[in-house]
Amino acid sequence: MLIGAWTLYFEPTSDMTIILIYAIPIVFVINLFLSIVFLFIKKYYVIFLLVNSFIAPAILYFLFGFYIYISSVRDYDSWEFSIDNVVYTIYTTPHSNNDYSLMISPEPDLSIGGDRGTTTIYFTPINGSGYFIFKKYLYGYKDMDKIKLKKKY
C-alpha cells in the first residue's frame, strides 16, 4: 500500500524512469532488513517479509509503468488513419499550447515525423496548408476529400 501511495504522490512521468534503478533495490533491501529484524522479534513473520522483499519491487515496477501509461493516455489525444498501407498517427498535446505532430509509419515499428504545428479549430502545418478533424473524419489532408479516423486514446 505504501508503494501505491508513493507512486501517486510522485506522479511519475517517462523521464523519471531512471529512479527505478535506485528505488527497486532500496525497496528490496528495506524488506530484507525488516525480515532480519523480525527474525529476532517474531519468527512467524519472517517468511512473509522474505516473500514481500521480492514481490514489492515487482509491484513498484508495475505501478510505475502503469501510472506512466495512464498519464500519457490522459495527456495526449491520438488519431490514426491509413493511406496506401501507410499508417498516419496524429498526436495532440492540449496542455502545451495545443501543439500537434503527425507521425508516418510506412512499415510496422518504424515512425517518421511527418508534420507538426499548432491546432486552433483546425491543424495549421508549418507549410501554411490546413486540415481539420470533424466527427471522426480528417478533411483536407493531401488533397483528399475525407479520411476516416480511428481514435486511439
C-alpha atoms as a PDB file:
ATOM      1  CA  MET A   1       0.000   0.000   0.000  1.00  0.00           C
ATOM      2  CA  LEU A   2       2.886   2.361   0.696  1.00  0.00           C
ATOM      3  CA  ILE A   3       4.294   1.732  -2.781  1.00  0.00           C
ATOM      4  CA  GLY A   4       0.975   2.731  -4.387  1.00  0.00           C
ATOM      5  CA  ALA A   5       0.771   5.858  -2.238  1.00  0.00           C
ATOM      6  CA  TRP A   6       4.372   6.741  -3.107  1.00  0.00           C
ATOM      7  CA  THR A   7       3.642   6.321  -6.823  1.00  0.00           C
ATOM      8  CA  LEU A   8       0.546   8.532  -6.628  1.00  0.00           C
ATOM      9  CA  TYR A   9       2.443  11.150  -4.618  1.00  0.00           C
ATOM     10  CA  PHE A  10       5.319  11.458  -7.104  1.00  0.00           C
ATOM     11  CA  GLU A  11       3.125  11.172 -10.235  1.00  0.00           C
ATOM     12  CA  PRO A  12       5.930   9.667 -12.340  1.00  0.00           C
ATOM     13  CA  THR A  13       6.460  10.561 -15.977  1.00  0.00           C
ATOM     14  CA  SER A  14       8.505   8.737 -18.597  1.00  0.00           C
ATOM     15  CA  ASP A  15      11.545  10.909 -17.939  1.00  0.00           C
ATOM     16  CA  MET A  16      11.585   9.771 -14.296  1.00  0.00           C
ATOM     17  CA  THR A  17      12.119   6.060 -15.030  1.00  0.00           C
ATOM     18  CA  ILE A  18      15.790   6.373 -14.076  1.00  0.00           C
ATOM     19  CA  ILE A  19      14.645   6.484 -10.446  1.00  0.00           C
ATOM     20  CA  LEU A  20      13.706   2.799 -10.707  1.00  0.00           C
ATOM     21  CA  ILE A  21      17.423   1.936 -10.779  1.00  0.00           C
ATOM     22  CA  TYR A  22      17.614   3.191  -7.196  1.00  0.00           C
ATOM     23  CA  ALA A  23      14.072   2.605  -5.920  1.00  0.00           C
ATOM     24  CA  ILE A  24      13.793  -1.117  -6.703  1.00  0.00           C
ATOM     25  CA  PRO A  25      16.970  -2.130  -4.794  1.00  0.00           C
ATOM     26  CA  ILE A  26      16.040   0.178  -1.906  1.00  0.00           C
ATOM     27  CA  VAL A  27      12.593  -1.427  -1.582  1.00  0.00           C
ATOM     28  CA  PHE A  28      14.212  -4.879  -1.710  1.00  0.00           C
ATOM     29  CA  VAL A  29      16.809  -4.021   0.960  1.00  0.00           C
ATOM     30  CA  ILE A  30      14.245  -2.408   3.277  1.00  0.00           C
ATOM     31  CA  ASN A  31      12.063  -5.513   3.167  1.00  0.00           C
ATOM     32  CA  LEU A  32      15.081  -7.763   3.646  1.00  0.00           C
ATOM     33  CA  PHE A  33      16.183  -5.669   6.640  1.00  0.00           C
ATOM     34  CA  LEU A  34      12.688  -5.931   8.131  1.00  0.00           C
ATOM     35  CA  SER A  35      12.753  -9.705   7.766  1.00  0.00           C
ATOM     36  CA  ILE A  36      16.097  -9.834   9.612  1.00  0.00           C
ATOM     37  CA  VAL A  37      14.715  -7.638  12.406  1.00  0.00           C
ATOM     38  CA  PHE A  38      11.606  -9.808  12.703  1.00  0.00           C
ATOM     39  CA  LEU A  39      13.817 -12.910  12.831  1.00  0.00           C
ATOM     40  CA  PHE A  40      14.735 -11.826  16.372  1.00  0.00           C
ATOM     41  CA  ILE A  41      11.278 -10.489  17.323  1.00  0.00           C
ATOM     42  CA  LYS A  42       8.697 -12.859  15.794  1.00  0.00           C
ATOM     43  CA  LYS A  43       9.942 -15.664  13.577  1.00  0.00           C
ATOM     44  CA  TYR A  44       6.414 -16.253  12.270  1.00  0.00           C
ATOM     45  CA  TYR A  45       6.522 -13.119  10.053  1.00  0.00           C
ATOM     46  CA  VAL A  46       9.972 -13.722   8.544  1.00  0.00           C
ATOM     47  CA  ILE A  47       8.758 -15.878   5.640  1.00  0.00           C
ATOM     48  CA  PHE A  48       6.123 -13.287   4.690  1.00  0.00           C
ATOM     49  CA  LEU A  49       8.651 -10.466   4.729  1.00  0.00           C
ATOM     50  CA  LEU A  50      11.110 -12.501   2.649  1.00  0.00           C
ATOM     51  CA  VAL A  51       8.424 -13.158   0.045  1.00  0.00           C
ATOM     52  CA  ASN A  52       7.414  -9.491   0.220  1.00  0.00           C
ATOM     53  CA  SER A  53      11.000  -8.410  -0.487  1.00  0.00           C
ATOM     54  CA  PHE A  54      10.634  -9.987  -3.955  1.00  0.00           C
ATOM     55  CA  ILE A  55       7.014  -9.029  -4.591  1.00  0.00           C
ATOM     56  CA  ALA A  56       7.243  -5.358  -3.517  1.00  0.00           C
ATOM     57  CA  PRO A  57       9.838  -4.326  -6.158  1.00  0.00           C
ATOM     58  CA  ALA A  58       7.772  -6.061  -8.842  1.00  0.00           C
ATOM     59  CA  ILE A  59       4.678  -4.149  -7.706  1.00  0.00           C
ATOM     60  CA  LEU A  60       6.673  -0.899  -7.711  1.00  0.00           C
ATOM     61  CA  TYR A  61       7.842  -1.539 -11.271  1.00  0.00           C
ATOM     62  CA  PHE A  62       4.307  -2.388 -12.432  1.00  0.00           C
ATOM     63  CA  LEU A  63       2.655   0.621 -10.739  1.00  0.00           C
ATOM     64  CA  PHE A  64       5.330   2.992 -12.026  1.00  0.00           C
ATOM     65  CA  GLY A  65       4.861   1.820 -15.609  1.00  0.00           C
ATOM     66  CA  PHE A  66       1.081   1.741 -15.320  1.00  0.00           C
ATOM     67  CA  TYR A  67       0.963   5.318 -13.996  1.00  0.00           C
ATOM     68  CA  ILE A  68       3.174   6.496 -16.873  1.00  0.00           C
ATOM     69  CA  TYR A  69       0.836   4.786 -19.359  1.00  0.00           C
ATOM     70  CA  ILE A  70      -2.274   6.304 -17.738  1.00  0.00           C
ATOM     71  CA  SER A  71      -0.753   9.801 -17.721  1.00  0.00           C
ATOM     72  CA  SER A  72       0.197   9.509 -21.399  1.00  0.00           C
ATOM     73  CA  VAL A  73      -3.337   8.450 -22.294  1.00  0.00           C
ATOM     74  CA  ARG A  74      -4.734  11.313 -20.217  1.00  0.00           C
ATOM     75  CA  ASP A  75      -2.374  13.974 -21.563  1.00  0.00           C
ATOM     76  CA  TYR A  76      -2.424  13.165 -25.290  1.00  0.00           C
ATOM     77  CA  ASP A  77      -5.143  12.759 -27.870  1.00  0.00           C
ATOM     78  CA  SER A  78      -4.314  10.491 -30.742  1.00  0.00           C
ATOM     79  CA  TRP A  79      -5.978   9.573 -34.044  1.00  0.00           C
ATOM     80  CA  GLU A  80      -4.882   7.035 -36.608  1.00  0.00           C
ATOM     81  CA  PHE A  81      -5.645   6.506 -40.304  1.00  0.00           C
ATOM     82  CA  SER A  82      -4.003   4.787 -43.260  1.00  0.00           C
ATOM     83  CA  ILE A  83      -3.443   5.647 -46.923  1.00  0.00           C
ATOM     84  CA  ASP A  84      -1.978   3.009 -49.262  1.00  0.00           C
ATOM     85  CA  ASN A  85      -0.897   0.744 -46.345  1.00  0.00           C
ATOM     86  CA  VAL A  86       0.964   3.617 -44.690  1.00  0.00           C
ATOM     87  CA  VAL A  87      -0.260   4.365 -41.162  1.00  0.00           C
ATOM     88  CA  TYR A  88      -0.520   8.036 -40.111  1.00  0.00           C
ATOM     89  CA  THR A  89      -0.927   8.999 -36.458  1.00  0.00           C
ATOM     90  CA  ILE A  90      -1.855  12.476 -35.213  1.00  0.00           C
ATOM     91  CA  TYR A  91      -0.915  13.363 -31.626  1.00  0.00           C
ATOM     92  CA  THR A  92      -2.214  16.491 -29.931  1.00  0.00           C
ATOM     93  CA  THR A  93      -0.972  17.879 -26.649  1.00  0.00           C
ATOM     94  CA  PRO A  94      -3.662  20.148 -25.241  1.00  0.00           C
ATOM     95  CA  HIS A  95      -1.563  21.210 -22.233  1.00  0.00           C
ATOM     96  CA  SER A  96       1.292  22.684 -24.268  1.00  0.00           C
ATOM     97  CA  ASN A  97      -0.141  25.445 -26.486  1.00  0.00           C
ATOM     98  CA  ASN A  98      -2.239  22.926 -28.479  1.00  0.00           C
ATOM     99  CA  ASP A  99       0.721  21.561 -30.404  1.00  0.00           C
ATOM    100  CA  TYR A 100       0.303  18.556 -32.656  1.00  0.00           C
ATOM    101  CA  SER A 101       2.529  16.190 -34.561  1.00  0.00           C
ATOM    102  CA  LEU A 102       1.798  13.806 -37.404  1.00  0.00           C
ATOM    103  CA  MET A 103       3.833  10.596 -37.491  1.00  0.00           C
ATOM    104  CA  ILE A 104       4.092   8.466 -40.642  1.00  0.00           C
ATOM    105  CA  SER A 105       4.660   4.698 -40.288  1.00  0.00           C
ATOM    106  CA  PRO A 106       5.454   3.168 -43.690  1.00  0.00           C
ATOM    107  CA  GLU A 107       6.051  -0.217 -42.044  1.00  0.00           C
ATOM    108  CA  PRO A 108       5.384  -1.654 -38.557  1.00  0.00           C
ATOM    109  CA  ASP A 109       7.663  -0.378 -35.775  1.00  0.00           C
ATOM    110  CA  LEU A 110       9.007   2.477 -37.924  1.00  0.00           C
ATOM    111  CA  SER A 111       7.822   6.051 -37.418  1.00  0.00           C
ATOM    112  CA  ILE A 112       8.878   9.120 -39.341  1.00  0.00           C
ATOM    113  CA  GLY A 113       7.960  12.638 -38.248  1.00  0.00           C
ATOM    114  CA  GLY A 114       5.726  13.952 -40.996  1.00  0.00           C
ATOM    115  CA  ASP A 115       4.309  17.245 -39.868  1.00  0.00           C
ATOM    116  CA  ARG A 116       3.952  19.437 -36.810  1.00  0.00           C
ATOM    117  CA  GLY A 117       2.295  22.694 -35.860  1.00  0.00           C
ATOM    118  CA  THR A 118      -0.417  24.125 -33.629  1.00  0.00           C
ATOM    119  CA  THR A 119      -4.130  23.452 -33.516  1.00  0.00           C
ATOM    120  CA  THR A 120      -6.846  26.012 -33.118  1.00  0.00           C
ATOM    121  CA  ILE A 121     -10.075  24.972 -34.821  1.00  0.00           C
ATOM    122  CA  TYR A 122      -8.101  23.076 -37.426  1.00  0.00           C
ATOM    123  CA  PHE A 123      -4.497  21.927 -37.878  1.00  0.00           C
ATOM    124  CA  THR A 124      -2.146  24.538 -39.315  1.00  0.00           C
ATOM    125  CA  PRO A 125       1.104  22.958 -40.546  1.00  0.00           C
ATOM    126  CA  ILE A 126       4.314  24.909 -40.917  1.00  0.00           C
ATOM    127  CA  ASN A 127       3.974  24.993 -44.728  1.00  0.00           C
ATOM    128  CA  GLY A 128       0.719  27.003 -44.466  1.00  0.00           C
ATOM    129  CA  SER A 129      -1.827  24.454 -45.708  1.00  0.00           C
ATOM    130  CA  GLY A 130      -4.545  23.304 -43.352  1.00  0.00           C
ATOM    131  CA  TYR A 131      -6.649  20.321 -42.411  1.00  0.00           C
ATOM    132  CA  PHE A 132      -9.095  19.549 -39.645  1.00  0.00           C
ATOM    133  CA  ILE A 133     -10.881  16.749 -37.797  1.00  0.00           C
ATOM    134  CA  PHE A 134     -14.663  16.726 -37.593  1.00  0.00           C
ATOM    135  CA  LYS A 135     -16.863  13.805 -36.442  1.00  0.00           C
ATOM    136  CA  LYS A 136     -14.206  11.088 -36.811  1.00  0.00           C
ATOM    137  CA  TYR A 137     -13.080  12.250 -40.279  1.00  0.00           C
ATOM    138  CA  LEU A 138      -9.967  14.139 -41.374  1.00  0.00           C
ATOM    139  CA  TYR A 139     -10.659  16.737 -44.068  1.00  0.00           C
ATOM    140  CA  GLY A 140      -8.176  18.439 -46.397  1.00  0.00           C
ATOM    141  CA  TYR A 141      -5.110  16.253 -45.837  1.00  0.00           C
ATOM    142  CA  LYS A 142      -3.037  15.673 -49.021  1.00  0.00           C
ATOM    143  CA  ASP A 143      -5.853  16.998 -51.222  1.00  0.00           C
ATOM    144  CA  MET A 144      -8.141  14.125 -50.216  1.00  0.00           C
ATOM    145  CA  ASP A 145     -11.807  14.802 -49.508  1.00  0.00           C
ATOM    146  CA  LYS A 146     -12.100  12.957 -46.198  1.00  0.00           C
ATOM    147  CA  ILE A 147     -10.346  10.148 -44.366  1.00  0.00           C
ATOM    148  CA  LYS A 148     -11.988   8.012 -41.642  1.00  0.00           C
ATOM    149  CA  LEU A 149     -10.056   8.213 -38.363  1.00  0.00           C
ATOM    150  CA  LYS A 150      -9.755   5.713 -35.552  1.00  0.00           C
ATOM    151  CA  LYS A 151      -9.342   7.343 -32.126  1.00  0.00           C
ATOM    152  CA  LYS A 152      -6.554   5.592 -30.231  1.00  0.00           C
ATOM    153  CA  TYR A 153      -6.836   7.269 -26.808  1.00  0.00           C
END
